Structure formats: C-alpha cells, structure tokens
PDB file of all heavy atoms in Angstrom:
ATOM      1  N   ASN A   1     134.369  47.107  88.856  1.00  0.00           N
ATOM      2  CA  ASN A   1     133.170  46.470  89.393  1.00  0.00           C
ATOM      3  C   ASN A   1     133.491  45.223  90.211  1.00  0.00           C
ATOM      4  O   ASN A   1     132.616  44.381  90.442  1.00  0.00           O
ATOM      5  CB  ASN A   1     132.202  46.144  88.252  1.00  0.00           C
ATOM      6  CG  ASN A   1     131.516  47.384  87.709  1.00  0.00           C
ATOM      7  OD1 ASN A   1     130.530  47.855  88.279  1.00  0.00           O
ATOM      8  ND2 ASN A   1     132.037  47.935  86.619  1.00  0.00           N
ATOM      9  N   GLN A   2     134.733  45.118  90.657  1.00  0.00           N
ATOM     10  CA  GLN A   2     135.167  44.070  91.587  1.00  0.00           C
ATOM     11  C   GLN A   2     135.035  42.657  91.026  1.00  0.00           C
ATOM     12  O   GLN A   2     134.922  41.687  91.775  1.00  0.00           O
ATOM     13  CB  GLN A   2     134.379  44.165  92.906  1.00  0.00           C
ATOM     14  CG  GLN A   2     134.417  45.531  93.555  1.00  0.00           C
ATOM     15  CD  GLN A   2     135.844  46.038  93.787  1.00  0.00           C
ATOM     16  OE1 GLN A   2     136.671  45.315  94.322  1.00  0.00           O
ATOM     17  NE2 GLN A   2     136.123  47.265  93.370  1.00  0.00           N
ATOM     18  N   ALA A   3     135.035  42.519  89.698  1.00  0.00           N
ATOM     19  CA  ALA A   3     135.027  41.199  89.074  1.00  0.00           C
ATOM     20  C   ALA A   3     136.476  40.733  88.876  1.00  0.00           C
ATOM     21  O   ALA A   3     137.408  41.537  88.848  1.00  0.00           O
ATOM     22  CB  ALA A   3     134.304  41.232  87.742  1.00  0.00           C
ATOM     23  N   LEU A   4     136.646  39.435  88.751  1.00  0.00           N
ATOM     24  CA  LEU A   4     137.964  38.846  88.498  1.00  0.00           C
ATOM     25  C   LEU A   4     138.043  38.428  87.031  1.00  0.00           C
ATOM     26  O   LEU A   4     137.442  37.423  86.634  1.00  0.00           O
ATOM     27  CB  LEU A   4     138.180  37.631  89.399  1.00  0.00           C
ATOM     28  CG  LEU A   4     139.477  36.844  89.176  1.00  0.00           C
ATOM     29  CD1 LEU A   4     140.698  37.700  89.514  1.00  0.00           C
ATOM     30  CD2 LEU A   4     139.481  35.561  90.008  1.00  0.00           C
ATOM     31  N   PRO A   5     138.762  39.170  86.194  1.00  0.00           N
ATOM     32  CA  PRO A   5     138.894  38.774  84.786  1.00  0.00           C
ATOM     33  C   PRO A   5     139.746  37.520  84.647  1.00  0.00           C
ATOM     34  O   PRO A   5     140.807  37.410  85.274  1.00  0.00           O
ATOM     35  CB  PRO A   5     139.589  39.976  84.135  1.00  0.00           C
ATOM     36  CG  PRO A   5     139.425  41.110  85.108  1.00  0.00           C
ATOM     37  CD  PRO A   5     139.415  40.458  86.468  1.00  0.00           C
ATOM     38  N   ILE A   6     139.264  36.575  83.851  1.00  0.00           N
ATOM     39  CA  ILE A   6     140.009  35.344  83.567  1.00  0.00           C
ATOM     40  C   ILE A   6     140.158  35.240  82.053  1.00  0.00           C
ATOM     41  O   ILE A   6     139.166  35.148  81.325  1.00  0.00           O
ATOM     42  CB  ILE A   6     139.302  34.104  84.132  1.00  0.00           C
ATOM     43  CG1 ILE A   6     139.173  34.228  85.663  1.00  0.00           C
ATOM     44  CG2 ILE A   6     140.058  32.830  83.767  1.00  0.00           C
ATOM     45  CD1 ILE A   6     138.424  33.092  86.320  1.00  0.00           C
ATOM     46  N   ILE A   7     141.394  35.274  81.588  1.00  0.00           N
ATOM     47  CA  ILE A   7     141.688  35.370  80.158  1.00  0.00           C
ATOM     48  C   ILE A   7     142.323  34.075  79.673  1.00  0.00           C
ATOM     49  O   ILE A   7     143.140  33.470  80.351  1.00  0.00           O
ATOM     50  CB  ILE A   7     142.627  36.565  79.895  1.00  0.00           C
ATOM     51  CG1 ILE A   7     141.900  37.878  80.222  1.00  0.00           C
ATOM     52  CG2 ILE A   7     143.122  36.572  78.450  1.00  0.00           C
ATOM     53  CD1 ILE A   7     142.787  39.098  80.118  1.00  0.00           C
ATOM     54  N   ASN A   8     141.911  33.670  78.471  1.00  0.00           N
ATOM     55  CA  ASN A   8     142.549  32.540  77.804  1.00  0.00           C
ATOM     56  C   ASN A   8     142.559  32.827  76.316  1.00  0.00           C
ATOM     57  O   ASN A   8     141.800  33.676  75.825  1.00  0.00           O
ATOM     58  CB  ASN A   8     141.792  31.239  78.092  1.00  0.00           C
ATOM     59  CG  ASN A   8     142.592  29.999  77.683  1.00  0.00           C
ATOM     60  OD1 ASN A   8     143.778  30.080  77.357  1.00  0.00           O
ATOM     61  ND2 ASN A   8     141.936  28.850  77.682  1.00  0.00           N
ATOM     62  N   GLU A   9     143.431  32.141  75.603  1.00  0.00           N
ATOM     63  CA  GLU A   9     143.393  32.254  74.144  1.00  0.00           C
ATOM     64  C   GLU A   9     142.147  31.553  73.627  1.00  0.00           C
ATOM     65  O   GLU A   9     141.714  30.531  74.171  1.00  0.00           O
ATOM     66  CB  GLU A   9     144.639  31.629  73.527  1.00  0.00           C
ATOM     67  CG  GLU A   9     144.705  31.820  72.020  1.00  0.00           C
ATOM     68  CD  GLU A   9     146.123  31.957  71.502  1.00  0.00           C
ATOM     69  OE1 GLU A   9     147.048  31.457  72.154  1.00  0.00           O
ATOM     70  OE2 GLU A   9     146.294  32.572  70.448  1.00  0.00           O
ATOM     71  N   ASN A  10     141.548  32.120  72.588  1.00  0.00           N
ATOM     72  CA  ASN A  10     140.320  31.542  72.046  1.00  0.00           C
ATOM     73  C   ASN A  10     140.675  30.376  71.127  1.00  0.00           C
ATOM     74  O   ASN A  10     140.638  30.473  69.897  1.00  0.00           O
ATOM     75  CB  ASN A  10     139.510  32.604  71.291  1.00  0.00           C
ATOM     76  CG  ASN A  10     138.096  32.144  71.016  1.00  0.00           C
ATOM     77  OD1 ASN A  10     137.760  30.988  71.240  1.00  0.00           O
ATOM     78  ND2 ASN A  10     137.262  33.045  70.536  1.00  0.00           N
ATOM     79  N   ASP A  11     140.995  29.248  71.743  1.00  0.00           N
ATOM     80  CA  ASP A  11     141.434  28.067  70.988  1.00  0.00           C
ATOM     81  C   ASP A  11     140.324  27.468  70.140  1.00  0.00           C
ATOM     82  O   ASP A  11     140.591  26.636  69.267  1.00  0.00           O
ATOM     83  CB  ASP A  11     141.950  26.996  71.958  1.00  0.00           C
ATOM     84  CG  ASP A  11     143.240  27.413  72.642  1.00  0.00           C
ATOM     85  OD1 ASP A  11     144.134  27.914  71.943  1.00  0.00           O
ATOM     86  OD2 ASP A  11     143.342  27.249  73.867  1.00  0.00           O
ATOM     87  N   THR A  12     139.075  27.861  70.382  1.00  0.00           N
ATOM     88  CA  THR A  12     137.973  27.287  69.606  1.00  0.00           C
ATOM     89  C   THR A  12     137.950  27.809  68.180  1.00  0.00           C
ATOM     90  O   THR A  12     137.369  27.178  67.301  1.00  0.00           O
ATOM     91  CB  THR A  12     136.619  27.584  70.275  1.00  0.00           C
ATOM     92  OG1 THR A  12     136.429  28.998  70.337  1.00  0.00           O
ATOM     93  CG2 THR A  12     136.570  27.001  71.665  1.00  0.00           C
ATOM     94  N   VAL A  13     138.553  28.962  67.920  1.00  0.00           N
ATOM     95  CA  VAL A  13     138.506  29.534  66.566  1.00  0.00           C
ATOM     96  C   VAL A  13     139.885  29.830  65.995  1.00  0.00           C
ATOM     97  O   VAL A  13     140.039  29.946  64.782  1.00  0.00           O
ATOM     98  CB  VAL A  13     137.661  30.837  66.536  1.00  0.00           C
ATOM     99  CG1 VAL A  13     136.224  30.543  66.934  1.00  0.00           C
ATOM    100  CG2 VAL A  13     138.248  31.902  67.439  1.00  0.00           C
ATOM    101  N   ALA A  14     140.895  29.998  66.852  1.00  0.00           N
ATOM    102  CA  ALA A  14     142.202  30.436  66.368  1.00  0.00           C
ATOM    103  C   ALA A  14     142.916  29.319  65.618  1.00  0.00           C
ATOM    104  O   ALA A  14     142.870  28.160  66.007  1.00  0.00           O
ATOM    105  CB  ALA A  14     143.067  30.905  67.541  1.00  0.00           C
ATOM    106  N   VAL A  15     143.549  29.687  64.514  1.00  0.00           N
ATOM    107  CA  VAL A  15     144.436  28.773  63.809  1.00  0.00           C
ATOM    108  C   VAL A  15     145.858  29.277  64.025  1.00  0.00           C
ATOM    109  O   VAL A  15     146.080  30.367  64.546  1.00  0.00           O
ATOM    110  CB  VAL A  15     144.109  28.701  62.303  1.00  0.00           C
ATOM    111  CG1 VAL A  15     142.759  28.026  62.096  1.00  0.00           C
ATOM    112  CG2 VAL A  15     144.092  30.096  61.684  1.00  0.00           C
ATOM    113  N   ASN A  16     146.842  28.471  63.630  1.00  0.00           N
ATOM    114  CA  ASN A  16     148.213  28.752  64.029  1.00  0.00           C
ATOM    115  C   ASN A  16     148.675  30.165  63.718  1.00  0.00           C
ATOM    116  O   ASN A  16     149.314  30.815  64.539  1.00  0.00           O
ATOM    117  CB  ASN A  16     149.170  27.747  63.363  1.00  0.00           C
ATOM    118  CG  ASN A  16     149.107  26.379  64.037  1.00  0.00           C
ATOM    119  OD1 ASN A  16     148.666  26.280  65.166  1.00  0.00           O
ATOM    120  ND2 ASN A  16     149.542  25.354  63.337  1.00  0.00           N
ATOM    121  N   GLU A  17     148.346  30.668  62.513  1.00  0.00           N
ATOM    122  CA  GLU A  17     148.851  31.979  62.148  1.00  0.00           C
ATOM    123  C   GLU A  17     148.157  33.108  62.903  1.00  0.00           C
ATOM    124  O   GLU A  17     148.594  34.248  62.868  1.00  0.00           O
ATOM    125  CB  GLU A  17     148.728  32.206  60.636  1.00  0.00           C
ATOM    126  CG  GLU A  17     147.302  32.161  60.086  1.00  0.00           C
ATOM    127  CD  GLU A  17     146.916  30.761  59.626  1.00  0.00           C
ATOM    128  OE1 GLU A  17     147.521  29.792  60.112  1.00  0.00           O
ATOM    129  OE2 GLU A  17     146.015  30.660  58.780  1.00  0.00           O
ATOM    130  N   LEU A  18     147.045  32.801  63.601  1.00  0.00           N
ATOM    131  CA  LEU A  18     146.335  33.819  64.371  1.00  0.00           C
ATOM    132  C   LEU A  18     146.486  33.609  65.866  1.00  0.00           C
ATOM    133  O   LEU A  18     145.841  34.276  66.665  1.00  0.00           O
ATOM    134  CB  LEU A  18     144.839  33.810  64.004  1.00  0.00           C
ATOM    135  CG  LEU A  18     144.486  34.209  62.576  1.00  0.00           C
ATOM    136  CD1 LEU A  18     142.986  34.117  62.367  1.00  0.00           C
ATOM    137  CD2 LEU A  18     144.977  35.605  62.263  1.00  0.00           C
ATOM    138  N   LYS A  19     147.360  32.695  66.274  1.00  0.00           N
ATOM    139  CA  LYS A  19     147.492  32.377  67.689  1.00  0.00           C
ATOM    140  C   LYS A  19     148.676  33.107  68.316  1.00  0.00           C
ATOM    141  O   LYS A  19     149.705  33.299  67.675  1.00  0.00           O
ATOM    142  CB  LYS A  19     147.674  30.867  67.887  1.00  0.00           C
ATOM    143  CG  LYS A  19     146.424  30.054  67.603  1.00  0.00           C
ATOM    144  CD  LYS A  19     146.722  28.564  67.655  1.00  0.00           C
ATOM    145  CE  LYS A  19     147.007  28.069  69.051  1.00  0.00           C
ATOM    146  NZ  LYS A  19     145.809  28.065  69.906  1.00  0.00           N
ATOM    147  N   VAL A  20     148.511  33.524  69.557  1.00  0.00           N
ATOM    148  CA  VAL A  20     149.666  33.945  70.334  1.00  0.00           C
ATOM    149  C   VAL A  20     150.572  32.734  70.526  1.00  0.00           C
ATOM    150  O   VAL A  20     151.792  32.825  70.436  1.00  0.00           O
ATOM    151  CB  VAL A  20     149.224  34.519  71.700  1.00  0.00           C
ATOM    152  CG1 VAL A  20     150.445  34.834  72.563  1.00  0.00           C
ATOM    153  CG2 VAL A  20     148.366  35.756  71.501  1.00  0.00           C
ATOM    154  N   GLY A  21     149.951  31.562  70.786  1.00  0.00           N
ATOM    155  CA  GLY A  21     150.678  30.302  70.795  1.00  0.00           C
ATOM    156  C   GLY A  21     150.977  29.745  72.167  1.00  0.00           C
ATOM    157  O   GLY A  21     151.072  28.539  72.330  1.00  0.00           O
ATOM    158  N   ASP A  22     151.133  30.610  73.153  1.00  0.00           N
ATOM    159  CA  ASP A  22     151.364  30.136  74.519  1.00  0.00           C
ATOM    160  C   ASP A  22     150.851  31.196  75.473  1.00  0.00           C
ATOM    161  O   ASP A  22     150.820  32.383  75.158  1.00  0.00           O
ATOM    162  CB  ASP A  22     152.844  29.864  74.756  1.00  0.00           C
ATOM    163  CG  ASP A  22     153.672  31.137  74.708  1.00  0.00           C
ATOM    164  OD1 ASP A  22     153.830  31.782  75.757  1.00  0.00           O
ATOM    165  OD2 ASP A  22     154.133  31.503  73.610  1.00  0.00           O
ATOM    166  N   ASN A  23     150.451  30.756  76.661  1.00  0.00           N
ATOM    167  CA  ASN A  23     149.849  31.678  77.607  1.00  0.00           C
ATOM    168  C   ASN A  23     150.871  32.433  78.453  1.00  0.00           C
ATOM    169  O   ASN A  23     150.501  33.349  79.185  1.00  0.00           O
ATOM    170  CB  ASN A  23     148.839  30.949  78.497  1.00  0.00           C
ATOM    171  CG  ASN A  23     147.482  30.853  77.829  1.00  0.00           C
ATOM    172  OD1 ASN A  23     147.298  31.350  76.717  1.00  0.00           O
ATOM    173  ND2 ASN A  23     146.523  30.241  78.494  1.00  0.00           N
ATOM    174  N   ASP A  24     152.144  32.075  78.357  1.00  0.00           N
ATOM    175  CA  ASP A  24     153.167  32.908  78.982  1.00  0.00           C
ATOM    176  C   ASP A  24     153.216  34.267  78.285  1.00  0.00           C
ATOM    177  O   ASP A  24     153.141  35.322  78.929  1.00  0.00           O
ATOM    178  CB  ASP A  24     154.542  32.238  78.912  1.00  0.00           C
ATOM    179  CG  ASP A  24     154.609  30.944  79.715  1.00  0.00           C
ATOM    180  OD1 ASP A  24     153.997  30.887  80.800  1.00  0.00           O
ATOM    181  OD2 ASP A  24     155.256  29.993  79.251  1.00  0.00           O
ATOM    182  N   ASN A  25     153.315  34.240  76.960  1.00  0.00           N
ATOM    183  CA  ASN A  25     153.335  35.497  76.208  1.00  0.00           C
ATOM    184  C   ASN A  25     151.980  36.186  76.240  1.00  0.00           C
ATOM    185  O   ASN A  25     151.909  37.424  76.232  1.00  0.00           O
ATOM    186  CB  ASN A  25     153.807  35.252  74.773  1.00  0.00           C
ATOM    187  CG  ASN A  25     155.318  35.163  74.670  1.00  0.00           C
ATOM    188  OD1 ASN A  25     156.016  36.151  74.872  1.00  0.00           O
ATOM    189  ND2 ASN A  25     155.840  33.982  74.373  1.00  0.00           N
ATOM    190  N   LEU A  26     150.883  35.410  76.272  1.00  0.00           N
ATOM    191  CA  LEU A  26     149.569  36.029  76.423  1.00  0.00           C
ATOM    192  C   LEU A  26     149.498  36.776  77.761  1.00  0.00           C
ATOM    193  O   LEU A  26     148.909  37.856  77.848  1.00  0.00           O
ATOM    194  CB  LEU A  26     148.457  34.985  76.340  1.00  0.00           C
ATOM    195  CG  LEU A  26     147.023  35.526  76.432  1.00  0.00           C
ATOM    196  CD1 LEU A  26     146.728  36.521  75.324  1.00  0.00           C
ATOM    197  CD2 LEU A  26     146.019  34.373  76.402  1.00  0.00           C
ATOM    198  N   GLY A  27     150.109  36.199  78.793  1.00  0.00           N
ATOM    199  CA  GLY A  27     150.185  36.885  80.079  1.00  0.00           C
ATOM    200  C   GLY A  27     150.930  38.204  79.970  1.00  0.00           C
ATOM    201  O   GLY A  27     150.533  39.212  80.565  1.00  0.00           O
ATOM    202  N   ALA A  28     152.027  38.210  79.199  1.00  0.00           N
ATOM    203  CA  ALA A  28     152.791  39.449  79.010  1.00  0.00           C
ATOM    204  C   ALA A  28     151.971  40.484  78.258  1.00  0.00           C
ATOM    205  O   ALA A  28     151.938  41.666  78.638  1.00  0.00           O
ATOM    206  CB  ALA A  28     154.087  39.144  78.255  1.00  0.00           C
ATOM    207  N   TYR A  29     151.301  40.058  77.178  1.00  0.00           N
ATOM    208  CA  TYR A  29     150.456  40.994  76.431  1.00  0.00           C
ATOM    209  C   TYR A  29     149.347  41.556  77.318  1.00  0.00           C
ATOM    210  O   TYR A  29     149.012  42.747  77.252  1.00  0.00           O
ATOM    211  CB  TYR A  29     149.840  40.307  75.210  1.00  0.00           C
ATOM    212  CG  TYR A  29     150.830  39.975  74.117  1.00  0.00           C
ATOM    213  CD1 TYR A  29     150.853  38.702  73.534  1.00  0.00           C
ATOM    214  CD2 TYR A  29     151.736  40.916  73.656  1.00  0.00           C
ATOM    215  CE1 TYR A  29     151.761  38.388  72.535  1.00  0.00           C
ATOM    216  CE2 TYR A  29     152.638  40.612  72.655  1.00  0.00           C
ATOM    217  CZ  TYR A  29     152.655  39.347  72.095  1.00  0.00           C
ATOM    218  OH  TYR A  29     153.546  39.043  71.105  1.00  0.00           O
ATOM    219  N   THR A  30     148.775  40.705  78.168  1.00  0.00           N
ATOM    220  CA  THR A  30     147.718  41.157  79.075  1.00  0.00           C
ATOM    221  C   THR A  30     148.263  42.180  80.056  1.00  0.00           C
ATOM    222  O   THR A  30     147.601  43.182  80.364  1.00  0.00           O
ATOM    223  CB  THR A  30     147.113  39.960  79.829  1.00  0.00           C
ATOM    224  OG1 THR A  30     146.591  39.018  78.887  1.00  0.00           O
ATOM    225  CG2 THR A  30     146.001  40.409  80.753  1.00  0.00           C
ATOM    226  N   ALA A  31     149.482  41.946  80.562  1.00  0.00           N
ATOM    227  CA  ALA A  31     150.102  42.913  81.472  1.00  0.00           C
ATOM    228  C   ALA A  31     150.298  44.261  80.790  1.00  0.00           C
ATOM    229  O   ALA A  31     150.107  45.319  81.404  1.00  0.00           O
ATOM    230  CB  ALA A  31     151.440  42.367  81.971  1.00  0.00           C
ATOM    231  N   LEU A  32     150.655  44.226  79.515  1.00  0.00           N
ATOM    232  CA  LEU A  32     150.828  45.472  78.765  1.00  0.00           C
ATOM    233  C   LEU A  32     149.494  46.178  78.571  1.00  0.00           C
ATOM    234  O   LEU A  32     149.386  47.393  78.785  1.00  0.00           O
ATOM    235  CB  LEU A  32     151.480  45.181  77.408  1.00  0.00           C
ATOM    236  CG  LEU A  32     152.894  44.598  77.430  1.00  0.00           C
ATOM    237  CD1 LEU A  32     153.333  44.208  76.031  1.00  0.00           C
ATOM    238  CD2 LEU A  32     153.874  45.587  78.030  1.00  0.00           C
ATOM    239  N   ILE A  33     148.476  45.416  78.152  1.00  0.00           N
ATOM    240  CA  ILE A  33     147.159  46.017  77.921  1.00  0.00           C
ATOM    241  C   ILE A  33     146.597  46.609  79.206  1.00  0.00           C
ATOM    242  O   ILE A  33     146.069  47.729  79.224  1.00  0.00           O
ATOM    243  CB  ILE A  33     146.165  44.967  77.373  1.00  0.00           C
ATOM    244  CG1 ILE A  33     146.606  44.443  76.007  1.00  0.00           C
ATOM    245  CG2 ILE A  33     144.757  45.563  77.258  1.00  0.00           C
ATOM    246  CD1 ILE A  33     145.764  43.288  75.498  1.00  0.00           C
ATOM    247  N   ALA A  34     146.694  45.847  80.287  1.00  0.00           N
ATOM    248  CA  ALA A  34     146.090  46.248  81.558  1.00  0.00           C
ATOM    249  C   ALA A  34     146.945  47.263  82.307  1.00  0.00           C
ATOM    250  O   ALA A  34     146.528  47.750  83.364  1.00  0.00           O
ATOM    251  CB  ALA A  34     145.870  45.021  82.441  1.00  0.00           C
ATOM    252  N   GLN A  35     148.136  47.575  81.776  1.00  0.00           N
ATOM    253  CA  GLN A  35     149.069  48.492  82.438  1.00  0.00           C
ATOM    254  C   GLN A  35     149.326  48.037  83.878  1.00  0.00           C
ATOM    255  O   GLN A  35     149.298  48.824  84.828  1.00  0.00           O
ATOM    256  CB  GLN A  35     148.539  49.930  82.376  1.00  0.00           C
ATOM    257  CG  GLN A  35     148.464  50.454  80.943  1.00  0.00           C
ATOM    258  CD  GLN A  35     147.945  51.876  80.857  1.00  0.00           C
ATOM    259  OE1 GLN A  35     146.769  52.125  81.067  1.00  0.00           O
ATOM    260  NE2 GLN A  35     148.832  52.815  80.550  1.00  0.00           N
ATOM    261  N   ALA A  36     149.573  46.730  83.996  1.00  0.00           N
ATOM    262  CA  ALA A  36     149.908  46.146  85.293  1.00  0.00           C
ATOM    263  C   ALA A  36     151.339  46.504  85.657  1.00  0.00           C
ATOM    264  O   ALA A  36     152.131  46.931  84.811  1.00  0.00           O
ATOM    265  CB  ALA A  36     149.731  44.630  85.238  1.00  0.00           C
ATOM    266  N   ASP A  37     151.688  46.323  86.935  1.00  0.00           N
ATOM    267  CA  ASP A  37     153.073  46.524  87.337  1.00  0.00           C
ATOM    268  C   ASP A  37     153.795  45.206  87.567  1.00  0.00           C
ATOM    269  O   ASP A  37     155.003  45.190  87.750  1.00  0.00           O
ATOM    270  CB  ASP A  37     153.161  47.392  88.599  1.00  0.00           C
ATOM    271  CG  ASP A  37     152.289  46.884  89.736  1.00  0.00           C
ATOM    272  OD1 ASP A  37     152.436  45.714  90.123  1.00  0.00           O
ATOM    273  OD2 ASP A  37     151.443  47.658  90.226  1.00  0.00           O
ATOM    274  N   THR A  38     153.034  44.080  87.515  1.00  0.00           N
ATOM    275  CA  THR A  38     153.622  42.779  87.838  1.00  0.00           C
ATOM    276  C   THR A  38     152.981  41.665  87.018  1.00  0.00           C
ATOM    277  O   THR A  38     151.769  41.661  86.831  1.00  0.00           O
ATOM    278  CB  THR A  38     153.433  42.458  89.338  1.00  0.00           C
ATOM    279  OG1 THR A  38     154.001  43.506  90.119  1.00  0.00           O
ATOM    280  CG2 THR A  38     154.079  41.140  89.718  1.00  0.00           C
ATOM    281  N   LEU A  39     153.807  40.738  86.547  1.00  0.00           N
ATOM    282  CA  LEU A  39     153.350  39.480  85.951  1.00  0.00           C
ATOM    283  C   LEU A  39     153.902  38.347  86.804  1.00  0.00           C
ATOM    284  O   LEU A  39     155.114  38.258  87.019  1.00  0.00           O
ATOM    285  CB  LEU A  39     153.847  39.339  84.509  1.00  0.00           C
ATOM    286  CG  LEU A  39     153.657  37.966  83.846  1.00  0.00           C
ATOM    287  CD1 LEU A  39     152.174  37.621  83.709  1.00  0.00           C
ATOM    288  CD2 LEU A  39     154.353  37.910  82.480  1.00  0.00           C
ATOM    289  N   ILE A  40     153.001  37.502  87.310  1.00  0.00           N
ATOM    290  CA  ILE A  40     153.405  36.332  88.093  1.00  0.00           C
ATOM    291  C   ILE A  40     153.102  35.082  87.277  1.00  0.00           C
ATOM    292  O   ILE A  40     151.941  34.796  86.987  1.00  0.00           O
ATOM    293  CB  ILE A  40     152.658  36.271  89.441  1.00  0.00           C
ATOM    294  CG1 ILE A  40     152.898  37.547  90.254  1.00  0.00           C
ATOM    295  CG2 ILE A  40     153.087  35.042  90.239  1.00  0.00           C
ATOM    296  CD1 ILE A  40     152.069  37.635  91.526  1.00  0.00           C
ATOM    297  N   ILE A  41     154.132  34.360  86.871  1.00  0.00           N
ATOM    298  CA  ILE A  41     153.972  33.143  86.089  1.00  0.00           C
ATOM    299  C   ILE A  41     154.049  31.956  87.038  1.00  0.00           C
ATOM    300  O   ILE A  41     155.115  31.656  87.593  1.00  0.00           O
ATOM    301  CB  ILE A  41     155.038  33.033  84.987  1.00  0.00           C
ATOM    302  CG1 ILE A  41     154.937  34.213  84.012  1.00  0.00           C
ATOM    303  CG2 ILE A  41     154.903  31.711  84.234  1.00  0.00           C
ATOM    304  CD1 ILE A  41     156.005  34.220  82.934  1.00  0.00           C
TER     305      ILE A  41
END
C-alpha cells in the first residue's frame, strides 16, 4: 500500500530480558522477517 514502515524497539514496555537491546540487531531481525536483500546501517 506504498506506506513507509518505521520500526523501533518498544522501549516503553520492554525490560532488559525482553529487549533486543540495540537497533543494529533489530535491523538484522527486520531484514530476516521482511525477506530483504539488503541491510544499510
């Protein structure tokens, strides 16, 4: 639908044991979920 998804960790509720912890790895997980061919950090 031509929208631009913007993803962030839900820091408002996550505690340490439930956190990815950094958005570099969150970017990698997103690339895996979205079946992307490229991650640009």
